[in-house]
PDB file of N, CA and C in Angstrom:
ATOM      1  N   MET A   1       9.345  21.765 -23.647  1.00  0.00           N
ATOM      2  CA  MET A   1       9.437  22.917 -22.771  1.00  0.00           C
ATOM      3  C   MET A   1      10.873  23.425 -22.695  1.00  0.00           C
ATOM      4  N   GLU A   2      11.817  22.507 -22.708  1.00  0.00           N
ATOM      5  CA  GLU A   2      13.223  22.894 -22.653  1.00  0.00           C
ATOM      6  C   GLU A   2      13.594  23.729 -23.877  1.00  0.00           C
ATOM      7  N   ARG A   3      13.055  23.344 -25.028  1.00  0.00           N
ATOM      8  CA  ARG A   3      13.309  24.080 -26.271  1.00  0.00           C
ATOM      9  C   ARG A   3      12.755  25.499 -26.166  1.00  0.00           C
ATOM     10  N   PHE A   4      11.591  25.642 -25.536  1.00  0.00           N
ATOM     11  CA  PHE A   4      10.982  26.953 -25.350  1.00  0.00           C
ATOM     12  C   PHE A   4      11.923  27.867 -24.574  1.00  0.00           C
ATOM     13  N   PHE A   5      12.470  27.372 -23.466  1.00  0.00           N
ATOM     14  CA  PHE A   5      13.368  28.183 -22.650  1.00  0.00           C
ATOM     15  C   PHE A   5      14.663  28.496 -23.390  1.00  0.00           C
ATOM     16  N   GLU A   6      15.106  27.585 -24.216  1.00  0.00           N
ATOM     17  CA  GLU A   6      16.302  27.833 -25.031  1.00  0.00           C
ATOM     18  C   GLU A   6      16.038  28.968 -26.021  1.00  0.00           C
ATOM     19  N   ILE A   7      14.861  28.955 -26.625  1.00  0.00           N
ATOM     20  CA  ILE A   7      14.494  30.011 -27.573  1.00  0.00           C
ATOM     21  C   ILE A   7      14.403  31.357 -26.858  1.00  0.00           C
ATOM     22  N   ILE A   8      13.723  31.377 -25.696  1.00  0.00           N
ATOM     23  CA  ILE A   8      13.599  32.616 -24.919  1.00  0.00           C
ATOM     24  C   ILE A   8      14.971  33.128 -24.513  1.00  0.00           C
ATOM     25  N   HIS A   9      15.842  32.226 -24.072  1.00  0.00           N
ATOM     26  CA  HIS A   9      17.203  32.618 -23.689  1.00  0.00           C
ATOM     27  C   HIS A   9      17.919  33.271 -24.868  1.00  0.00           C
ATOM     28  N   ASN A  10      17.786  32.681 -26.051  1.00  0.00           N
ATOM     29  CA  ASN A  10      18.437  33.229 -27.241  1.00  0.00           C
ATOM     30  C   ASN A  10      17.852  34.591 -27.629  1.00  0.00           C
ATOM     31  N   VAL A  11      16.542  34.744 -27.447  1.00  0.00           N
ATOM     32  CA  VAL A  11      15.907  36.033 -27.748  1.00  0.00           C
ATOM     33  C   VAL A  11      16.474  37.106 -26.829  1.00  0.00           C
ATOM     34  N   PHE A  12      16.544  36.804 -25.523  1.00  0.00           N
ATOM     35  CA  PHE A  12      17.090  37.787 -24.588  1.00  0.00           C
ATOM     36  C   PHE A  12      18.564  38.066 -24.881  1.00  0.00           C
ATOM     37  N   LYS A  13      19.311  37.047 -25.263  1.00  0.00           N
ATOM     38  CA  LYS A  13      20.720  37.236 -25.612  1.00  0.00           C
ATOM     39  C   LYS A  13      20.824  38.170 -26.810  1.00  0.00           C
ATOM     40  N   ASP A  14      19.969  37.958 -27.824  1.00  0.00           N
ATOM     41  CA  ASP A  14      19.965  38.818 -29.000  1.00  0.00           C
ATOM     42  C   ASP A  14      19.578  40.247 -28.634  1.00  0.00           C
ATOM     43  N   ILE A  15      18.573  40.376 -27.771  1.00  0.00           N
ATOM     44  CA  ILE A  15      18.149  41.710 -27.334  1.00  0.00           C
ATOM     45  C   ILE A  15      19.290  42.402 -26.600  1.00  0.00           C
ATOM     46  N   ASN A  16      19.944  41.678 -25.694  1.00  0.00           N
ATOM     47  CA  ASN A  16      21.059  42.268 -24.956  1.00  0.00           C
ATOM     48  C   ASN A  16      22.174  42.697 -25.901  1.00  0.00           C
ATOM     49  N   ASN A  17      22.475  41.876 -26.896  1.00  0.00           N
ATOM     50  CA  ASN A  17      23.505  42.233 -27.864  1.00  0.00           C
ATOM     51  C   ASN A  17      23.095  43.460 -28.659  1.00  0.00           C
ATOM     52  N   GLU A  18      21.830  43.503 -29.062  1.00  0.00           N
ATOM     53  CA  GLU A  18      21.317  44.638 -29.833  1.00  0.00           C
ATOM     54  C   GLU A  18      21.388  45.916 -29.011  1.00  0.00           C
ATOM     55  N   ILE A  19      20.951  45.842 -27.766  1.00  0.00           N
ATOM     56  CA  ILE A  19      20.944  47.029 -26.905  1.00  0.00           C
ATOM     57  C   ILE A  19      22.364  47.502 -26.620  1.00  0.00           C
ATOM     58  N   ALA A  20      23.293  46.589 -26.546  1.00  0.00           N
ATOM     59  CA  ALA A  20      24.678  46.962 -26.282  1.00  0.00           C
ATOM     60  C   ALA A  20      25.213  47.903 -27.354  1.00  0.00           C
ATOM     61  N   TYR A  21      24.692  47.806 -28.565  1.00  0.00           N
ATOM     62  CA  TYR A  21      25.181  48.637 -29.662  1.00  0.00           C
ATOM     63  C   TYR A  21      24.338  49.881 -29.919  1.00  0.00           C
ATOM     64  N   ILE A  22      23.242  50.009 -29.206  1.00  0.00           N
ATOM     65  CA  ILE A  22      22.346  51.150 -29.425  1.00  0.00           C
ATOM     66  C   ILE A  22      22.805  52.330 -28.578  1.00  0.00           C
ATOM     67  N   LYS A  23      22.973  53.472 -29.216  1.00  0.00           N
ATOM     68  CA  LYS A  23      23.287  54.686 -28.457  1.00  0.00           C
ATOM     69  C   LYS A  23      21.983  55.431 -28.244  1.00  0.00           C
ATOM     70  N   ILE A  24      21.624  55.590 -26.993  1.00  0.00           N
ATOM     71  CA  ILE A  24      20.369  56.240 -26.676  1.00  0.00           C
ATOM     72  C   ILE A  24      20.638  57.697 -26.328  1.00  0.00           C
ATOM     73  N   VAL A  25      20.023  58.563 -27.108  1.00  0.00           N
ATOM     74  CA  VAL A  25      20.250  59.979 -26.892  1.00  0.00           C
ATOM     75  C   VAL A  25      18.943  60.697 -26.566  1.00  0.00           C
ATOM     76  N   VAL A  26      17.906  59.943 -26.315  1.00  0.00           N
ATOM     77  CA  VAL A  26      16.611  60.544 -26.018  1.00  0.00           C
ATOM     78  C   VAL A  26      16.551  60.845 -24.530  1.00  0.00           C
ATOM     79  N   ASP A  27      16.247  62.094 -24.222  1.00  0.00           N
ATOM     80  CA  ASP A  27      16.156  62.652 -22.873  1.00  0.00           C
ATOM     81  C   ASP A  27      16.310  61.655 -21.726  1.00  0.00           C
ATOM     82  N   ASP A  28      15.229  61.189 -21.132  1.00  0.00           N
ATOM     83  CA  ASP A  28      15.327  60.391 -19.915  1.00  0.00           C
ATOM     84  C   ASP A  28      15.011  58.915 -20.142  1.00  0.00           C
ATOM     85  N   ILE A  29      15.045  58.452 -21.377  1.00  0.00           N
ATOM     86  CA  ILE A  29      14.794  57.045 -21.662  1.00  0.00           C
ATOM     87  C   ILE A  29      16.133  56.311 -21.616  1.00  0.00           C
ATOM     88  N   SER A  30      16.321  55.502 -20.592  1.00  0.00           N
ATOM     89  CA  SER A  30      17.601  54.832 -20.394  1.00  0.00           C
ATOM     90  C   SER A  30      17.633  53.469 -21.075  1.00  0.00           C
ATOM     91  N   LYS A  31      18.842  52.970 -21.299  1.00  0.00           N
ATOM     92  CA  LYS A  31      19.013  51.635 -21.874  1.00  0.00           C
ATOM     93  C   LYS A  31      18.346  50.585 -20.999  1.00  0.00           C
ATOM     94  N   ASN A  32      18.464  50.758 -19.705  1.00  0.00           N
ATOM     95  CA  ASN A  32      17.896  49.790 -18.770  1.00  0.00           C
ATOM     96  C   ASN A  32      16.369  49.742 -18.874  1.00  0.00           C
ATOM     97  N   LEU A  33      15.735  50.906 -19.018  1.00  0.00           N
ATOM     98  CA  LEU A  33      14.281  50.943 -19.154  1.00  0.00           C
ATOM     99  C   LEU A  33      13.855  50.266 -20.454  1.00  0.00           C
ATOM    100  N   ILE A  34      14.575  50.506 -21.532  1.00  0.00           N
ATOM    101  CA  ILE A  34      14.262  49.863 -22.813  1.00  0.00           C
ATOM    102  C   ILE A  34      14.436  48.354 -22.707  1.00  0.00           C
ATOM    103  N   LYS A  35      15.523  47.938 -22.087  1.00  0.00           N
ATOM    104  CA  LYS A  35      15.780  46.503 -21.918  1.00  0.00           C
ATOM    105  C   LYS A  35      14.652  45.843 -21.115  1.00  0.00           C
ATOM    106  N   ASN A  36      14.249  46.458 -20.023  1.00  0.00           N
ATOM    107  CA  ASN A  36      13.178  45.898 -19.193  1.00  0.00           C
ATOM    108  C   ASN A  36      11.832  45.917 -19.926  1.00  0.00           C
ATOM    109  N   ALA A  37      11.588  46.982 -20.701  1.00  0.00           N
ATOM    110  CA  ALA A  37      10.351  47.048 -21.474  1.00  0.00           C
ATOM    111  C   ALA A  37      10.303  45.915 -22.493  1.00  0.00           C
ATOM    112  N   LEU A  38      11.414  45.642 -23.155  1.00  0.00           N
ATOM    113  CA  LEU A  38      11.458  44.555 -24.133  1.00  0.00           C
ATOM    114  C   LEU A  38      11.193  43.204 -23.481  1.00  0.00           C
ATOM    115  N   LYS A  39      11.715  43.012 -22.289  1.00  0.00           N
ATOM    116  CA  LYS A  39      11.461  41.752 -21.578  1.00  0.00           C
ATOM    117  C   LYS A  39       9.964  41.592 -21.291  1.00  0.00           C
ATOM    118  N   ILE A  40       9.331  42.666 -20.857  1.00  0.00           N
ATOM    119  CA  ILE A  40       7.893  42.609 -20.548  1.00  0.00           C
ATOM    120  C   ILE A  40       7.076  42.403 -21.818  1.00  0.00           C
ATOM    121  N   ILE A  41       7.452  43.085 -22.887  1.00  0.00           N
ATOM    122  CA  ILE A  41       6.735  42.940 -24.154  1.00  0.00           C
ATOM    123  C   ILE A  41       6.809  41.503 -24.653  1.00  0.00           C
ATOM    124  N   ILE A  42       7.985  40.910 -24.579  1.00  0.00           N
ATOM    125  CA  ILE A  42       8.155  39.523 -25.033  1.00  0.00           C
ATOM    126  C   ILE A  42       7.362  38.572 -24.148  1.00  0.00           C
ATOM    127  N   ALA A  43       7.424  38.794 -22.850  1.00  0.00           N
ATOM    128  CA  ALA A  43       6.731  37.892 -21.920  1.00  0.00           C
ATOM    129  C   ALA A  43       5.211  37.984 -22.051  1.00  0.00           C
ATOM    130  N   SER A  44       4.692  39.190 -22.222  1.00  0.00           N
ATOM    131  CA  SER A  44       3.236  39.369 -22.245  1.00  0.00           C
ATOM    132  C   SER A  44       2.650  39.325 -23.651  1.00  0.00           C
ATOM    133  N   GLN A  45       3.512  39.442 -24.655  1.00  0.00           N
ATOM    134  CA  GLN A  45       3.075  39.450 -26.056  1.00  0.00           C
ATOM    135  C   GLN A  45       2.092  40.579 -26.351  1.00  0.00           C
ATOM    136  N   LYS A  46       2.211  41.661 -25.601  1.00  0.00           N
ATOM    137  CA  LYS A  46       1.391  42.839 -25.877  1.00  0.00           C
ATOM    138  C   LYS A  46       2.123  44.067 -25.375  1.00  0.00           C
ATOM    139  N   VAL A  47       1.753  45.199 -25.947  1.00  0.00           N
ATOM    140  CA  VAL A  47       2.344  46.452 -25.484  1.00  0.00           C
ATOM    141  C   VAL A  47       1.389  47.596 -25.798  1.00  0.00           C
ATOM    142  N   SER A  48       1.314  48.488 -24.865  1.00  0.00           N
ATOM    143  CA  SER A  48       0.571  49.732 -25.053  1.00  0.00           C
ATOM    144  C   SER A  48       1.179  50.748 -24.093  1.00  0.00           C
ATOM    145  N   ILE A  49       0.911  51.989 -24.345  1.00  0.00           N
ATOM    146  CA  ILE A  49       1.431  53.020 -23.454  1.00  0.00           C
ATOM    147  C   ILE A  49       0.866  52.826 -22.050  1.00  0.00           C
ATOM    148  N   SER A  50      -0.409  52.518 -21.959  1.00  0.00           N
ATOM    149  CA  SER A  50      -1.024  52.290 -20.642  1.00  0.00           C
ATOM    150  C   SER A  50      -0.392  51.111 -19.922  1.00  0.00           C
ATOM    151  N   HIS A  51      -0.079  50.064 -20.677  1.00  0.00           N
ATOM    152  CA  HIS A  51       0.566  48.884 -20.093  1.00  0.00           C
ATOM    153  C   HIS A  51       1.937  49.259 -19.528  1.00  0.00           C
ATOM    154  N   LEU A  52       2.694  50.069 -20.259  1.00  0.00           N
ATOM    155  CA  LEU A  52       4.009  50.508 -19.780  1.00  0.00           C
ATOM    156  C   LEU A  52       3.873  51.379 -18.532  1.00  0.00           C
ATOM    157  N   VAL A  53       2.858  52.241 -18.499  1.00  0.00           N
ATOM    158  CA  VAL A  53       2.616  53.082 -17.316  1.00  0.00           C
ATOM    159  C   VAL A  53       2.405  52.205 -16.090  1.00  0.00           C
ATOM    160  N   ARG A  54       1.557  51.182 -16.227  1.00  0.00           N
ATOM    161  CA  ARG A  54       1.267  50.302 -15.086  1.00  0.00           C
ATOM    162  C   ARG A  54       2.479  49.463 -14.685  1.00  0.00           C
ATOM    163  N   MET A  55       3.189  48.919 -15.665  1.00  0.00           N
ATOM    164  CA  MET A  55       4.296  48.010 -15.357  1.00  0.00           C
ATOM    165  C   MET A  55       5.489  48.724 -14.717  1.00  0.00           C
ATOM    166  N   PHE A  56       5.741  49.967 -15.124  1.00  0.00           N
ATOM    167  CA  PHE A  56       6.925  50.674 -14.640  1.00  0.00           C
ATOM    168  C   PHE A  56       6.607  51.821 -13.696  1.00  0.00           C
ATOM    169  N   ASP A  57       5.309  52.063 -13.448  1.00  0.00           N
ATOM    170  CA  ASP A  57       4.909  53.169 -12.583  1.00  0.00           C
ATOM    171  C   ASP A  57       5.575  54.470 -13.030  1.00  0.00           C
ATOM    172  N   ILE A  58       5.425  54.755 -14.341  1.00  0.00           N
ATOM    173  CA  ILE A  58       5.971  55.982 -14.922  1.00  0.00           C
ATOM    174  C   ILE A  58       4.800  56.815 -15.448  1.00  0.00           C
ATOM    175  N   THR A  59       5.076  58.059 -15.791  1.00  0.00           N
ATOM    176  CA  THR A  59       4.027  58.920 -16.311  1.00  0.00           C
ATOM    177  C   THR A  59       3.637  58.491 -17.722  1.00  0.00           C
ATOM    178  N   TYR A  60       2.452  58.905 -18.127  1.00  0.00           N
ATOM    179  CA  TYR A  60       1.969  58.593 -19.472  1.00  0.00           C
ATOM    180  C   TYR A  60       2.898  59.212 -20.520  1.00  0.00           C
ATOM    181  N   LEU A  61       3.394  60.420 -20.230  1.00  0.00           N
ATOM    182  CA  LEU A  61       4.305  61.106 -21.153  1.00  0.00           C
ATOM    183  C   LEU A  61       5.594  60.307 -21.353  1.00  0.00           C
ATOM    184  N   LYS A  62       6.173  59.846 -20.255  1.00  0.00           N
ATOM    185  CA  LYS A  62       7.410  59.073 -20.342  1.00  0.00           C
ATOM    186  C   LYS A  62       7.167  57.737 -21.057  1.00  0.00           C
ATOM    187  N   ALA A  63       6.033  57.108 -20.778  1.00  0.00           N
ATOM    188  CA  ALA A  63       5.697  55.850 -21.459  1.00  0.00           C
ATOM    189  C   ALA A  63       5.516  56.092 -22.959  1.00  0.00           C
ATOM    190  N   GLY A  64       4.939  57.229 -23.317  1.00  0.00           N
ATOM    191  CA  GLY A  64       4.785  57.576 -24.732  1.00  0.00           C
ATOM    192  C   GLY A  64       6.133  57.756 -25.411  1.00  0.00           C
ATOM    193  N   ARG A  65       7.054  58.406 -24.720  1.00  0.00           N
ATOM    194  CA  ARG A  65       8.410  58.578 -25.261  1.00  0.00           C
ATOM    195  C   ARG A  65       9.107  57.223 -25.406  1.00  0.00           C
ATOM    196  N   LEU A  66       8.910  56.374 -24.420  1.00  0.00           N
ATOM    197  CA  LEU A  66       9.495  55.034 -24.467  1.00  0.00           C
ATOM    198  C   LEU A  66       8.934  54.263 -25.668  1.00  0.00           C
ATOM    199  N   MET A  67       7.629  54.324 -25.853  1.00  0.00           N
ATOM    200  CA  MET A  67       7.005  53.629 -26.983  1.00  0.00           C
ATOM    201  C   MET A  67       7.529  54.182 -28.305  1.00  0.00           C
ATOM    202  N   SER A  68       7.663  55.486 -28.408  1.00  0.00           N
ATOM    203  CA  SER A  68       8.208  56.095 -29.628  1.00  0.00           C
ATOM    204  C   SER A  68       9.631  55.622 -29.891  1.00  0.00           C
ATOM    205  N   ARG A  69      10.413  55.546 -28.826  1.00  0.00           N
ATOM    206  CA  ARG A  69      11.813  55.097 -28.972  1.00  0.00           C
ATOM    207  C   ARG A  69      11.863  53.637 -29.401  1.00  0.00           C
ATOM    208  N   LEU A  70      11.007  52.806 -28.818  1.00  0.00           N
ATOM    209  CA  LEU A  70      10.955  51.391 -29.213  1.00  0.00           C
ATOM    210  C   LEU A  70      10.568  51.255 -30.684  1.00  0.00           C
ATOM    211  N   GLU A  71       9.675  52.141 -31.136  1.00  0.00           N
ATOM    212  CA  GLU A  71       9.285  52.114 -32.550  1.00  0.00           C
ATOM    213  C   GLU A  71      10.436  52.573 -33.444  1.00  0.00           C
ATOM    214  N   GLU A  72      11.133  53.633 -33.046  1.00  0.00           N
ATOM    215  CA  GLU A  72      12.289  54.119 -33.808  1.00  0.00           C
ATOM    216  C   GLU A  72      13.355  53.046 -33.955  1.00  0.00           C
ATOM    217  N   LEU A  73      13.538  52.266 -32.901  1.00  0.00           N
ATOM    218  CA  LEU A  73      14.558  51.220 -32.902  1.00  0.00           C
ATOM    219  C   LEU A  73      14.101  49.957 -33.631  1.00  0.00           C
ATOM    220  N   GLY A  74      12.826  49.915 -34.001  1.00  0.00           N
ATOM    221  CA  GLY A  74      12.312  48.783 -34.758  1.00  0.00           C
ATOM    222  C   GLY A  74      11.829  47.612 -33.923  1.00  0.00           C
ATOM    223  N   PHE A  75      11.657  47.814 -32.628  1.00  0.00           N
ATOM    224  CA  PHE A  75      11.211  46.728 -31.757  1.00  0.00           C
ATOM    225  C   PHE A  75       9.691  46.571 -31.751  1.00  0.00           C
ATOM    226  N   VAL A  76       8.964  47.663 -31.995  1.00  0.00           N
ATOM    227  CA  VAL A  76       7.501  47.601 -32.073  1.00  0.00           C
ATOM    228  C   VAL A  76       7.073  48.355 -33.321  1.00  0.00           C
ATOM    229  N   SER A  77       5.844  48.106 -33.752  1.00  0.00           N
ATOM    230  CA  SER A  77       5.318  48.818 -34.907  1.00  0.00           C
ATOM    231  C   SER A  77       3.899  49.292 -34.596  1.00  0.00           C
ATOM    232  N   VAL A  78       3.351  50.030 -35.509  1.00  0.00           N
ATOM    233  CA  VAL A  78       1.987  50.536 -35.340  1.00  0.00           C
ATOM    234  C   VAL A  78       1.033  49.356 -35.229  1.00  0.00           C
ATOM    235  N   ALA A  79       0.015  49.517 -34.408  1.00  0.00           N
ATOM    236  CA  ALA A  79      -0.956  48.443 -34.183  1.00  0.00           C
ATOM    237  C   ALA A  79      -1.626  48.027 -35.479  1.00  0.00           C
ATOM    238  N   ASP A  80      -1.856  46.720 -35.615  1.00  0.00           N
ATOM    239  CA  ASP A  80      -2.545  46.169 -36.771  1.00  0.00           C
ATOM    240  C   ASP A  80      -3.851  45.582 -36.294  1.00  0.00           C
ATOM    241  N   PHE A  81      -4.945  46.264 -36.577  1.00  0.00           N
ATOM    242  CA  PHE A  81      -6.244  45.827 -36.101  1.00  0.00           C
ATOM    243  C   PHE A  81      -6.990  44.970 -37.124  1.00  0.00           C
ATOM    244  N   GLY A  82      -6.325  44.661 -38.239  1.00  0.00           N
ATOM    245  CA  GLY A  82      -6.970  43.904 -39.319  1.00  0.00           C
ATOM    246  C   GLY A  82      -7.002  42.488 -39.042  1.00  0.00           C
TER     247      GLY A  82
END
């Protein structure tokens, strides 16, 4: 279990380092929202626009923009139903 927490800590450290270098120029999608979304995605091992709407109490449009930005940055990819 200790190893698990060490791995999670390193993942968050890597995410924080990655986000520190990302320049976000998309309208109202902030670095903080992306950082928090990544934490939720890692913790829940799932992501969808509806899930982001519920977790952050944001509009569907804003969640869609957030999902698009996460995809542009390479953090998520198109769903694989195979």
